[in-house]
């Protein structure tokens, strides 16, 4: 099933770096529940069903026409871009399968991944990141601090060590470039840099 077909409400981010990204911030919420849809329409318009009349506190959360135009122009290309991301990910995974300190992402049978990010779990992550950056390879560490250790959740009382798998993942993850325009030569350059680091 496609994303958005499960549950009552689904949110999509159109942040510029997403697979389908606008030029600025944006997003969309879809629902099959008319009551929820009506409430969301009010909340996006400062909490009112009509302008200047507010039933509850809301916000100005409407997608502007420029962002919508960018998204409409990009939408016909999304399937091809996603296919190319999957091809790049499969190529990375096959090429890095024999590199013991590297764990490529797993995709469960019967599922499909769109690879907004191609994230590995690796040993000596920070050293690898410095090595890749020195070779001009863009890489990123997304979410280096687990949620339970974020300041905003301190009131929940979680201490370091309470969720060891989340903490370990935060120390091991690194994301490689996977955007659709990458060439095979560029992928090979990234792979060679990783293999060279772990020799």
N, C-alpha and C. Protein backbone atom coordinates (compact mmCIF):
# COMPACT_ATOMS: atom_id res chain seq x y z
N UNK A 1 0.84 -1.19 0.00
CA UNK A 1 0.00 0.00 0.00
C UNK A 1 0.87 1.24 0.00
N UNK A 2 0.34 2.29 -0.55
CA UNK A 2 1.07 3.55 -0.65
C UNK A 2 1.00 4.31 0.67
N UNK A 3 2.01 5.16 0.89
CA UNK A 3 1.98 6.05 2.05
C UNK A 3 0.71 6.88 1.98
N UNK A 4 0.07 7.07 3.09
CA UNK A 4 -1.16 7.85 3.13
C UNK A 4 -2.41 6.99 3.09
N UNK A 5 -2.27 5.69 2.79
CA UNK A 5 -3.43 4.81 2.73
C UNK A 5 -3.74 4.16 4.07
N UNK A 6 -2.82 4.27 5.00
CA UNK A 6 -3.03 3.68 6.32
C UNK A 6 -3.38 4.78 7.31
N UNK A 7 -4.23 4.47 8.25
CA UNK A 7 -4.54 5.45 9.29
C UNK A 7 -5.54 6.49 8.83
N UNK A 8 -5.83 7.43 9.73
CA UNK A 8 -6.82 8.46 9.45
C UNK A 8 -6.19 9.74 8.93
N UNK A 9 -4.95 9.99 9.32
CA UNK A 9 -4.29 11.25 8.95
C UNK A 9 -2.85 10.95 8.56
N UNK A 10 -2.39 11.58 7.49
CA UNK A 10 -1.00 11.43 7.06
C UNK A 10 -0.43 12.81 6.79
N UNK A 11 0.79 13.06 7.26
CA UNK A 11 1.46 14.33 7.00
C UNK A 11 2.62 14.14 6.04
N UNK A 12 2.79 15.09 5.13
CA UNK A 12 3.89 15.08 4.17
C UNK A 12 4.70 16.36 4.34
N UNK A 13 5.99 16.22 4.32
CA UNK A 13 6.87 17.39 4.37
C UNK A 13 7.35 17.71 2.96
N UNK A 14 7.30 18.98 2.60
CA UNK A 14 7.82 19.44 1.31
C UNK A 14 9.05 20.32 1.52
N UNK A 15 9.78 20.08 2.62
CA UNK A 15 11.02 20.80 2.87
C UNK A 15 11.91 20.67 1.64
N UNK A 16 12.68 21.70 1.29
CA UNK A 16 13.44 21.69 0.04
C UNK A 16 14.32 20.46 -0.20
N UNK A 17 14.83 19.83 0.84
CA UNK A 17 15.71 18.68 0.63
C UNK A 17 14.96 17.36 0.48
N UNK A 18 13.64 17.38 0.59
CA UNK A 18 12.87 16.13 0.48
C UNK A 18 12.81 15.67 -0.97
N UNK A 19 12.39 14.42 -1.16
CA UNK A 19 12.30 13.86 -2.51
C UNK A 19 11.38 14.70 -3.39
N UNK A 20 10.29 15.18 -2.84
CA UNK A 20 9.42 16.15 -3.50
C UNK A 20 9.45 17.40 -2.63
N UNK A 21 10.37 18.29 -2.94
CA UNK A 21 10.57 19.47 -2.10
C UNK A 21 10.20 20.75 -2.81
N UNK A 22 9.69 21.70 -2.06
CA UNK A 22 9.39 23.03 -2.59
C UNK A 22 10.66 23.87 -2.53
N UNK A 23 10.56 25.14 -2.84
CA UNK A 23 11.71 26.04 -2.71
C UNK A 23 11.85 26.56 -1.29
N UNK A 24 10.78 26.49 -0.53
CA UNK A 24 10.77 26.92 0.86
C UNK A 24 10.05 25.87 1.69
N UNK A 25 9.76 26.22 2.93
CA UNK A 25 9.05 25.28 3.80
C UNK A 25 7.64 25.04 3.28
N UNK A 26 7.16 23.85 3.52
CA UNK A 26 5.79 23.52 3.14
C UNK A 26 5.47 22.11 3.56
N UNK A 27 4.20 21.79 3.53
CA UNK A 27 3.77 20.45 3.88
C UNK A 27 2.31 20.28 3.55
N UNK A 28 1.82 19.08 3.77
CA UNK A 28 0.43 18.78 3.45
C UNK A 28 -0.05 17.71 4.43
N UNK A 29 -1.30 17.81 4.81
CA UNK A 29 -1.93 16.78 5.62
C UNK A 29 -3.12 16.26 4.82
N UNK A 30 -3.24 14.93 4.74
CA UNK A 30 -4.40 14.33 4.08
C UNK A 30 -5.12 13.46 5.09
N UNK A 31 -6.44 13.38 4.93
CA UNK A 31 -7.25 12.56 5.82
C UNK A 31 -8.49 12.08 5.09
N UNK A 32 -9.00 10.95 5.53
CA UNK A 32 -10.25 10.43 4.98
C UNK A 32 -11.42 10.76 5.91
N UNK A 33 -11.16 11.50 6.96
CA UNK A 33 -12.16 11.85 7.96
C UNK A 33 -12.59 13.31 7.77
N UNK A 34 -13.84 13.52 7.38
CA UNK A 34 -14.34 14.88 7.10
C UNK A 34 -14.26 15.79 8.33
N UNK A 35 -14.52 15.24 9.51
CA UNK A 35 -14.47 16.05 10.73
C UNK A 35 -13.05 16.56 10.98
N UNK A 36 -12.07 15.68 10.83
CA UNK A 36 -10.67 16.09 11.00
C UNK A 36 -10.29 17.10 9.92
N UNK A 37 -10.73 16.86 8.69
CA UNK A 37 -10.41 17.78 7.59
C UNK A 37 -10.95 19.18 7.87
N UNK A 38 -12.19 19.26 8.36
CA UNK A 38 -12.77 20.57 8.68
C UNK A 38 -11.96 21.28 9.77
N UNK A 39 -11.57 20.54 10.79
CA UNK A 39 -10.78 21.15 11.87
C UNK A 39 -9.43 21.63 11.34
N UNK A 40 -8.76 20.83 10.53
CA UNK A 40 -7.47 21.22 9.97
C UNK A 40 -7.59 22.47 9.10
N UNK A 41 -8.68 22.57 8.34
CA UNK A 41 -8.89 23.77 7.52
C UNK A 41 -9.01 25.01 8.40
N UNK A 42 -9.69 24.86 9.54
CA UNK A 42 -9.81 26.00 10.47
C UNK A 42 -8.45 26.34 11.08
N UNK A 43 -7.73 25.33 11.53
CA UNK A 43 -6.44 25.58 12.18
C UNK A 43 -5.45 26.26 11.25
N UNK A 44 -5.47 25.93 9.96
CA UNK A 44 -4.52 26.54 9.02
C UNK A 44 -4.87 27.99 8.72
N UNK A 45 -6.10 28.39 9.03
CA UNK A 45 -6.56 29.76 8.77
C UNK A 45 -6.78 30.48 10.09
N UNK A 46 -5.76 30.47 10.93
CA UNK A 46 -5.79 31.16 12.23
C UNK A 46 -6.91 30.68 13.14
N UNK A 47 -7.44 29.47 12.90
CA UNK A 47 -8.45 28.91 13.78
C UNK A 47 -9.87 29.27 13.45
N UNK A 48 -10.11 29.80 12.26
CA UNK A 48 -11.47 30.18 11.90
C UNK A 48 -11.94 29.55 10.60
N UNK A 49 -13.25 29.39 10.49
CA UNK A 49 -13.82 28.84 9.27
C UNK A 49 -13.88 29.89 8.17
N UNK A 50 -13.88 31.17 8.56
CA UNK A 50 -13.83 32.24 7.57
C UNK A 50 -12.91 33.33 8.09
N UNK A 51 -12.40 34.12 7.18
CA UNK A 51 -11.41 35.14 7.52
C UNK A 51 -11.93 36.12 8.57
N UNK A 52 -11.06 36.43 9.53
CA UNK A 52 -11.31 37.38 10.62
C UNK A 52 -12.29 36.88 11.68
N UNK A 53 -12.70 35.64 11.63
CA UNK A 53 -13.58 35.05 12.64
C UNK A 53 -12.92 33.76 13.12
N UNK A 54 -12.47 33.76 14.39
CA UNK A 54 -11.66 32.66 14.91
C UNK A 54 -12.40 31.90 16.01
N UNK A 55 -12.60 30.63 15.78
CA UNK A 55 -13.28 29.77 16.75
C UNK A 55 -12.30 29.18 17.77
N UNK A 56 -11.04 29.08 17.40
CA UNK A 56 -10.00 28.56 18.27
C UNK A 56 -8.67 29.14 17.80
N UNK A 57 -7.64 28.94 18.60
CA UNK A 57 -6.32 29.45 18.24
C UNK A 57 -5.74 28.55 17.15
N UNK A 58 -5.34 29.17 16.06
CA UNK A 58 -4.74 28.42 14.95
C UNK A 58 -3.47 29.10 14.51
N UNK A 59 -3.12 28.92 13.26
CA UNK A 59 -1.89 29.49 12.72
C UNK A 59 -2.09 29.78 11.24
N UNK A 60 -1.15 30.48 10.65
CA UNK A 60 -1.18 30.72 9.21
C UNK A 60 -0.33 29.63 8.57
N UNK A 61 -0.97 28.57 8.15
CA UNK A 61 -0.25 27.41 7.64
C UNK A 61 -0.72 27.01 6.25
N UNK A 62 -0.91 27.98 5.41
CA UNK A 62 -1.33 27.67 4.04
C UNK A 62 -0.11 27.65 3.14
N UNK A 63 -0.07 26.70 2.24
CA UNK A 63 1.00 26.61 1.26
C UNK A 63 0.83 27.75 0.26
N UNK A 64 1.87 28.57 0.09
CA UNK A 64 1.72 29.69 -0.84
C UNK A 64 1.78 29.19 -2.29
N UNK A 65 1.28 30.01 -3.20
CA UNK A 65 1.13 29.58 -4.60
C UNK A 65 2.46 29.31 -5.28
N UNK A 66 3.52 30.03 -4.90
CA UNK A 66 4.82 29.77 -5.50
C UNK A 66 5.30 28.36 -5.14
N UNK A 67 5.17 27.98 -3.87
CA UNK A 67 5.58 26.63 -3.46
C UNK A 67 4.72 25.58 -4.16
N UNK A 68 3.43 25.85 -4.27
CA UNK A 68 2.53 24.90 -4.95
C UNK A 68 2.93 24.75 -6.42
N UNK A 69 3.29 25.85 -7.07
CA UNK A 69 3.70 25.79 -8.48
C UNK A 69 4.97 24.96 -8.65
N UNK A 70 5.93 25.15 -7.74
CA UNK A 70 7.18 24.37 -7.79
C UNK A 70 6.86 22.88 -7.63
N UNK A 71 6.02 22.57 -6.66
CA UNK A 71 5.67 21.16 -6.41
C UNK A 71 4.94 20.55 -7.60
N UNK A 72 4.03 21.31 -8.21
CA UNK A 72 3.31 20.80 -9.38
C UNK A 72 4.25 20.54 -10.55
N UNK A 73 5.26 21.39 -10.71
CA UNK A 73 6.24 21.18 -11.78
C UNK A 73 7.11 19.95 -11.52
N UNK A 74 7.39 19.68 -10.26
CA UNK A 74 8.26 18.55 -9.91
C UNK A 74 7.51 17.21 -9.85
N UNK A 75 6.23 17.25 -9.54
CA UNK A 75 5.46 16.03 -9.30
C UNK A 75 5.56 14.99 -10.42
N UNK A 76 5.49 15.38 -11.69
CA UNK A 76 5.58 14.36 -12.76
C UNK A 76 6.91 13.60 -12.78
N UNK A 77 7.93 14.14 -12.15
CA UNK A 77 9.26 13.52 -12.15
C UNK A 77 9.50 12.63 -10.92
N UNK A 78 8.59 12.67 -9.96
CA UNK A 78 8.83 12.01 -8.68
C UNK A 78 9.06 10.50 -8.82
N UNK A 79 8.27 9.82 -9.62
CA UNK A 79 8.42 8.37 -9.76
C UNK A 79 9.80 8.02 -10.32
N UNK A 80 10.25 8.76 -11.33
CA UNK A 80 11.58 8.51 -11.90
C UNK A 80 12.67 8.82 -10.88
N UNK A 81 12.54 9.95 -10.18
CA UNK A 81 13.54 10.30 -9.17
C UNK A 81 13.62 9.23 -8.09
N UNK A 82 12.46 8.74 -7.66
CA UNK A 82 12.44 7.70 -6.62
C UNK A 82 13.07 6.41 -7.12
N UNK A 83 12.80 6.05 -8.37
CA UNK A 83 13.41 4.84 -8.94
C UNK A 83 14.93 4.98 -8.99
N UNK A 84 15.41 6.15 -9.35
CA UNK A 84 16.85 6.35 -9.42
C UNK A 84 17.48 6.30 -8.02
N UNK A 85 16.80 6.85 -7.03
CA UNK A 85 17.30 6.75 -5.66
C UNK A 85 17.40 5.28 -5.24
N UNK A 86 16.37 4.49 -5.56
CA UNK A 86 16.41 3.07 -5.22
C UNK A 86 17.55 2.36 -5.94
N UNK A 87 17.79 2.71 -7.20
CA UNK A 87 18.91 2.11 -7.95
C UNK A 87 20.24 2.46 -7.29
N UNK A 88 20.40 3.73 -6.92
CA UNK A 88 21.64 4.15 -6.25
C UNK A 88 21.83 3.39 -4.94
N UNK A 89 20.75 3.27 -4.17
CA UNK A 89 20.82 2.58 -2.88
C UNK A 89 21.20 1.11 -3.08
N UNK A 90 20.60 0.46 -4.06
CA UNK A 90 20.92 -0.95 -4.32
C UNK A 90 22.38 -1.09 -4.74
N UNK A 91 22.88 -0.15 -5.52
CA UNK A 91 24.27 -0.19 -5.96
C UNK A 91 25.22 -0.02 -4.77
N UNK A 92 24.92 0.97 -3.93
CA UNK A 92 25.72 1.15 -2.71
C UNK A 92 25.71 -0.13 -1.87
N UNK A 93 24.51 -0.65 -1.61
CA UNK A 93 24.38 -1.81 -0.72
C UNK A 93 25.15 -3.01 -1.24
N UNK A 94 25.06 -3.26 -2.55
CA UNK A 94 25.80 -4.39 -3.13
C UNK A 94 27.30 -4.18 -3.02
N UNK A 95 27.75 -2.96 -3.28
CA UNK A 95 29.19 -2.67 -3.28
C UNK A 95 29.78 -2.65 -1.87
N UNK A 96 28.96 -2.34 -0.87
CA UNK A 96 29.46 -2.23 0.50
C UNK A 96 29.15 -3.47 1.34
N UNK A 97 28.49 -4.45 0.74
CA UNK A 97 28.07 -5.64 1.49
C UNK A 97 29.25 -6.37 2.13
N UNK A 98 30.40 -6.36 1.50
CA UNK A 98 31.54 -7.08 2.04
C UNK A 98 32.43 -6.28 2.97
N UNK A 99 32.06 -5.04 3.23
CA UNK A 99 32.86 -4.19 4.12
C UNK A 99 32.31 -4.39 5.54
N UNK A 100 33.00 -5.19 6.34
CA UNK A 100 32.49 -5.63 7.64
C UNK A 100 32.04 -4.50 8.56
N UNK A 101 32.77 -3.39 8.70
CA UNK A 101 32.33 -2.36 9.65
C UNK A 101 31.13 -1.53 9.17
N UNK A 102 30.60 -1.86 7.98
CA UNK A 102 29.52 -1.08 7.38
C UNK A 102 28.25 -1.93 7.32
N UNK A 103 27.14 -1.40 7.82
CA UNK A 103 25.85 -2.08 7.74
C UNK A 103 24.92 -1.23 6.88
N UNK A 104 24.67 -1.65 5.63
CA UNK A 104 23.72 -0.92 4.79
C UNK A 104 22.30 -1.03 5.35
N UNK A 105 21.41 -0.14 4.94
CA UNK A 105 20.03 -0.21 5.43
C UNK A 105 19.33 -1.47 4.94
N UNK A 106 18.51 -2.04 5.77
CA UNK A 106 17.74 -3.23 5.41
C UNK A 106 16.34 -2.82 5.00
N UNK A 107 15.85 -3.46 3.96
CA UNK A 107 14.47 -3.24 3.51
C UNK A 107 13.77 -4.59 3.62
N UNK A 108 12.73 -4.66 4.42
CA UNK A 108 12.02 -5.92 4.65
C UNK A 108 11.35 -6.39 3.36
N UNK A 109 11.29 -7.71 3.16
CA UNK A 109 10.62 -8.25 1.98
C UNK A 109 9.18 -7.73 1.89
N UNK A 110 8.76 -7.42 0.68
CA UNK A 110 7.41 -6.90 0.47
C UNK A 110 7.28 -5.41 0.69
N UNK A 111 8.38 -4.76 1.05
CA UNK A 111 8.37 -3.31 1.27
C UNK A 111 9.23 -2.62 0.24
N UNK A 112 9.00 -1.34 0.07
CA UNK A 112 9.78 -0.53 -0.85
C UNK A 112 10.22 0.73 -0.12
N UNK A 113 11.45 1.12 -0.31
CA UNK A 113 12.03 2.28 0.37
C UNK A 113 12.25 3.36 -0.68
N UNK A 114 11.97 4.62 -0.36
CA UNK A 114 12.20 5.69 -1.33
C UNK A 114 13.55 6.37 -1.15
N UNK A 115 14.26 6.03 -0.10
CA UNK A 115 15.61 6.53 0.15
C UNK A 115 15.73 8.05 0.04
N UNK A 116 14.93 8.72 0.88
CA UNK A 116 15.16 10.15 1.06
C UNK A 116 16.59 10.34 1.55
N UNK A 117 17.01 9.43 2.40
CA UNK A 117 18.40 9.38 2.88
C UNK A 117 18.88 7.94 2.73
N UNK A 118 20.14 7.77 2.42
CA UNK A 118 20.74 6.44 2.41
C UNK A 118 21.66 6.40 3.63
N UNK A 119 21.18 5.77 4.68
CA UNK A 119 21.86 5.83 5.98
C UNK A 119 22.48 4.48 6.33
N UNK A 120 23.77 4.52 6.58
CA UNK A 120 24.54 3.36 7.01
C UNK A 120 24.71 3.40 8.52
N UNK A 121 24.97 2.24 9.10
CA UNK A 121 25.50 2.17 10.46
C UNK A 121 26.94 1.70 10.31
N UNK A 122 27.86 2.44 10.90
CA UNK A 122 29.28 2.16 10.69
C UNK A 122 30.06 2.26 11.99
N UNK A 123 31.23 1.64 11.99
CA UNK A 123 32.19 1.82 13.08
C UNK A 123 33.01 3.07 12.78
N UNK A 124 33.48 3.73 13.82
CA UNK A 124 34.34 4.92 13.70
C UNK A 124 33.67 5.98 12.80
N UNK A 125 32.41 6.22 13.07
CA UNK A 125 31.59 7.10 12.24
C UNK A 125 32.19 8.49 12.06
N UNK A 126 32.60 9.13 13.15
CA UNK A 126 33.09 10.51 13.05
C UNK A 126 34.37 10.58 12.22
N UNK A 127 35.22 9.56 12.35
CA UNK A 127 36.44 9.52 11.54
C UNK A 127 36.10 9.32 10.07
N UNK A 128 35.13 8.45 9.79
CA UNK A 128 34.70 8.23 8.41
C UNK A 128 34.12 9.52 7.83
N UNK A 129 33.32 10.22 8.60
CA UNK A 129 32.74 11.48 8.11
C UNK A 129 33.84 12.46 7.74
N UNK A 130 34.85 12.61 8.58
CA UNK A 130 35.96 13.52 8.28
C UNK A 130 36.70 13.08 7.02
N UNK A 131 36.89 11.78 6.87
CA UNK A 131 37.57 11.22 5.70
C UNK A 131 36.78 11.54 4.42
N UNK A 132 35.47 11.33 4.46
CA UNK A 132 34.64 11.59 3.28
C UNK A 132 34.61 13.08 2.95
N UNK A 133 34.48 13.90 3.97
CA UNK A 133 34.47 15.35 3.73
C UNK A 133 35.79 15.82 3.14
N UNK A 134 36.90 15.25 3.59
CA UNK A 134 38.22 15.62 3.05
C UNK A 134 38.33 15.26 1.57
N UNK A 135 37.55 14.29 1.14
CA UNK A 135 37.54 13.88 -0.26
C UNK A 135 36.44 14.59 -1.06
N UNK A 136 35.79 15.58 -0.43
CA UNK A 136 34.76 16.35 -1.12
C UNK A 136 33.43 15.64 -1.24
N UNK A 137 33.20 14.66 -0.41
CA UNK A 137 31.95 13.89 -0.45
C UNK A 137 31.01 14.42 0.62
N UNK A 138 29.87 14.88 0.20
CA UNK A 138 28.86 15.35 1.15
C UNK A 138 28.26 14.17 1.89
N UNK A 139 28.23 14.26 3.18
CA UNK A 139 27.60 13.24 4.01
C UNK A 139 27.04 13.96 5.23
N UNK A 140 26.11 13.31 5.90
CA UNK A 140 25.46 13.98 7.02
C UNK A 140 25.16 12.98 8.13
N UNK A 141 25.06 13.51 9.32
CA UNK A 141 24.62 12.73 10.47
C UNK A 141 23.29 13.33 10.90
N UNK A 142 22.22 12.64 10.55
CA UNK A 142 20.89 13.11 10.92
C UNK A 142 20.55 12.58 12.31
N UNK A 143 20.01 13.44 13.12
CA UNK A 143 19.52 13.07 14.44
C UNK A 143 20.61 12.47 15.32
N UNK A 144 21.66 13.24 15.61
CA UNK A 144 22.76 12.74 16.43
C UNK A 144 22.41 12.61 17.92
N UNK A 145 21.30 13.19 18.34
CA UNK A 145 20.89 13.09 19.75
C UNK A 145 19.54 12.37 19.80
N UNK A 146 19.46 11.22 20.45
CA UNK A 146 18.19 10.50 20.54
C UNK A 146 17.13 11.34 21.24
N UNK A 147 15.88 11.09 20.89
CA UNK A 147 14.78 11.89 21.44
C UNK A 147 14.76 11.89 22.97
N UNK A 148 15.01 10.74 23.58
CA UNK A 148 14.89 10.67 25.04
C UNK A 148 15.97 11.49 25.75
N UNK A 149 17.01 11.93 25.01
CA UNK A 149 18.06 12.77 25.60
C UNK A 149 17.93 14.23 25.18
N UNK A 150 16.87 14.57 24.47
CA UNK A 150 16.64 15.96 24.08
C UNK A 150 16.13 16.74 25.29
N UNK A 151 16.51 17.99 25.35
CA UNK A 151 16.12 18.86 26.47
C UNK A 151 14.60 18.91 26.63
N UNK A 152 13.88 18.95 25.52
CA UNK A 152 12.42 19.10 25.60
C UNK A 152 11.74 17.88 26.22
N UNK A 153 12.44 16.75 26.32
CA UNK A 153 11.86 15.56 26.93
C UNK A 153 12.51 15.21 28.27
N UNK A 154 13.29 16.13 28.80
CA UNK A 154 13.97 15.88 30.08
C UNK A 154 12.96 15.55 31.18
N UNK A 155 11.79 16.19 31.12
CA UNK A 155 10.78 15.97 32.16
C UNK A 155 10.30 14.52 32.23
N UNK A 156 10.57 13.71 31.20
CA UNK A 156 10.16 12.31 31.22
C UNK A 156 11.08 11.44 32.07
N UNK A 157 12.25 12.00 32.42
CA UNK A 157 13.13 11.31 33.35
C UNK A 157 14.07 10.27 32.76
N UNK A 158 14.16 10.20 31.45
CA UNK A 158 15.08 9.22 30.85
C UNK A 158 16.52 9.66 31.04
N UNK A 159 17.37 8.72 31.40
CA UNK A 159 18.79 9.00 31.58
C UNK A 159 19.57 8.30 30.47
N UNK A 160 20.78 8.78 30.23
CA UNK A 160 21.67 8.10 29.28
C UNK A 160 21.82 6.64 29.71
N UNK A 161 21.73 5.73 28.75
CA UNK A 161 21.82 4.31 29.04
C UNK A 161 20.47 3.62 29.12
N UNK A 162 19.40 4.39 29.23
CA UNK A 162 18.07 3.80 29.37
C UNK A 162 17.58 3.17 28.06
N UNK A 163 17.92 3.77 26.94
CA UNK A 163 17.55 3.24 25.62
C UNK A 163 18.83 3.02 24.82
N UNK A 164 19.56 1.96 25.13
CA UNK A 164 20.90 1.77 24.56
C UNK A 164 20.93 1.62 23.05
N UNK A 165 19.92 1.00 22.46
CA UNK A 165 19.94 0.83 20.99
C UNK A 165 19.79 2.17 20.29
N UNK A 166 18.92 3.03 20.79
CA UNK A 166 18.77 4.37 20.20
C UNK A 166 20.07 5.16 20.34
N UNK A 167 20.69 5.05 21.49
CA UNK A 167 21.95 5.77 21.73
C UNK A 167 23.07 5.23 20.85
N UNK A 168 23.11 3.92 20.66
CA UNK A 168 24.14 3.33 19.80
C UNK A 168 23.92 3.77 18.35
N UNK A 169 22.68 3.75 17.90
CA UNK A 169 22.39 4.17 16.53
C UNK A 169 22.80 5.62 16.31
N UNK A 170 22.55 6.47 17.28
CA UNK A 170 22.91 7.89 17.14
C UNK A 170 24.41 8.08 16.99
N UNK A 171 25.20 7.13 17.47
CA UNK A 171 26.66 7.22 17.35
C UNK A 171 27.20 6.55 16.09
N UNK A 172 26.36 5.78 15.41
CA UNK A 172 26.84 4.99 14.27
C UNK A 172 26.30 5.43 12.92
N UNK A 173 25.22 6.19 12.87
CA UNK A 173 24.58 6.48 11.58
C UNK A 173 25.31 7.58 10.81
N UNK A 174 25.36 7.39 9.50
CA UNK A 174 25.88 8.40 8.59
C UNK A 174 25.14 8.23 7.27
N UNK A 175 24.75 9.33 6.65
CA UNK A 175 23.99 9.28 5.41
C UNK A 175 24.86 9.73 4.24
N UNK A 176 24.80 8.96 3.17
CA UNK A 176 25.57 9.24 1.96
C UNK A 176 24.70 9.96 0.93
N UNK A 177 25.32 10.63 -0.03
CA UNK A 177 24.52 11.26 -1.09
C UNK A 177 23.77 10.19 -1.88
N UNK A 178 22.50 10.45 -2.17
CA UNK A 178 21.68 9.48 -2.90
C UNK A 178 20.73 10.18 -3.88
N UNK A 179 20.96 11.46 -4.13
CA UNK A 179 20.05 12.22 -4.99
C UNK A 179 20.05 11.66 -6.41
N UNK A 180 18.95 11.81 -7.14
CA UNK A 180 18.77 11.15 -8.43
C UNK A 180 19.83 11.47 -9.48
N UNK A 181 20.40 12.65 -9.44
CA UNK A 181 21.33 13.07 -10.50
C UNK A 181 22.73 12.48 -10.37
N UNK A 182 23.00 11.74 -9.32
CA UNK A 182 24.32 11.13 -9.16
C UNK A 182 24.64 10.22 -10.34
N UNK A 183 25.89 10.26 -10.76
CA UNK A 183 26.34 9.37 -11.83
C UNK A 183 26.97 8.12 -11.22
N UNK A 184 27.13 7.08 -12.04
CA UNK A 184 27.78 5.86 -11.58
C UNK A 184 29.21 6.16 -11.13
N UNK A 185 29.87 7.05 -11.85
CA UNK A 185 31.23 7.44 -11.48
C UNK A 185 31.27 8.07 -10.09
N UNK A 186 30.29 8.91 -9.78
CA UNK A 186 30.24 9.54 -8.46
C UNK A 186 29.96 8.50 -7.37
N UNK A 187 29.05 7.57 -7.65
CA UNK A 187 28.77 6.51 -6.68
C UNK A 187 30.03 5.68 -6.42
N UNK A 188 30.74 5.34 -7.49
CA UNK A 188 31.98 4.56 -7.35
C UNK A 188 33.02 5.32 -6.53
N UNK A 189 33.06 6.63 -6.68
CA UNK A 189 34.01 7.45 -5.91
C UNK A 189 33.70 7.37 -4.42
N UNK A 190 32.41 7.46 -4.08
CA UNK A 190 31.99 7.36 -2.67
C UNK A 190 32.34 5.97 -2.13
N UNK A 191 32.01 4.95 -2.89
CA UNK A 191 32.27 3.57 -2.46
C UNK A 191 33.77 3.34 -2.25
N UNK A 192 34.57 3.80 -3.19
CA UNK A 192 36.03 3.63 -3.07
C UNK A 192 36.56 4.34 -1.84
N UNK A 193 36.01 5.51 -1.54
CA UNK A 193 36.46 6.26 -0.36
C UNK A 193 36.14 5.50 0.92
N UNK A 194 34.97 4.89 0.98
CA UNK A 194 34.59 4.12 2.17
C UNK A 194 35.44 2.86 2.29
N UNK A 195 35.59 2.16 1.17
CA UNK A 195 36.42 0.94 1.19
C UNK A 195 37.86 1.28 1.60
N UNK A 196 38.38 2.38 1.06
CA UNK A 196 39.74 2.80 1.39
C UNK A 196 39.90 3.13 2.86
N UNK A 197 38.88 3.73 3.45
CA UNK A 197 38.94 4.09 4.86
C UNK A 197 39.04 2.85 5.75
N UNK A 198 38.29 1.81 5.41
CA UNK A 198 38.25 0.62 6.26
C UNK A 198 39.28 -0.44 5.89
N UNK A 199 40.19 -0.15 4.98
CA UNK A 199 41.25 -1.11 4.63
C UNK A 199 42.18 -1.34 5.77
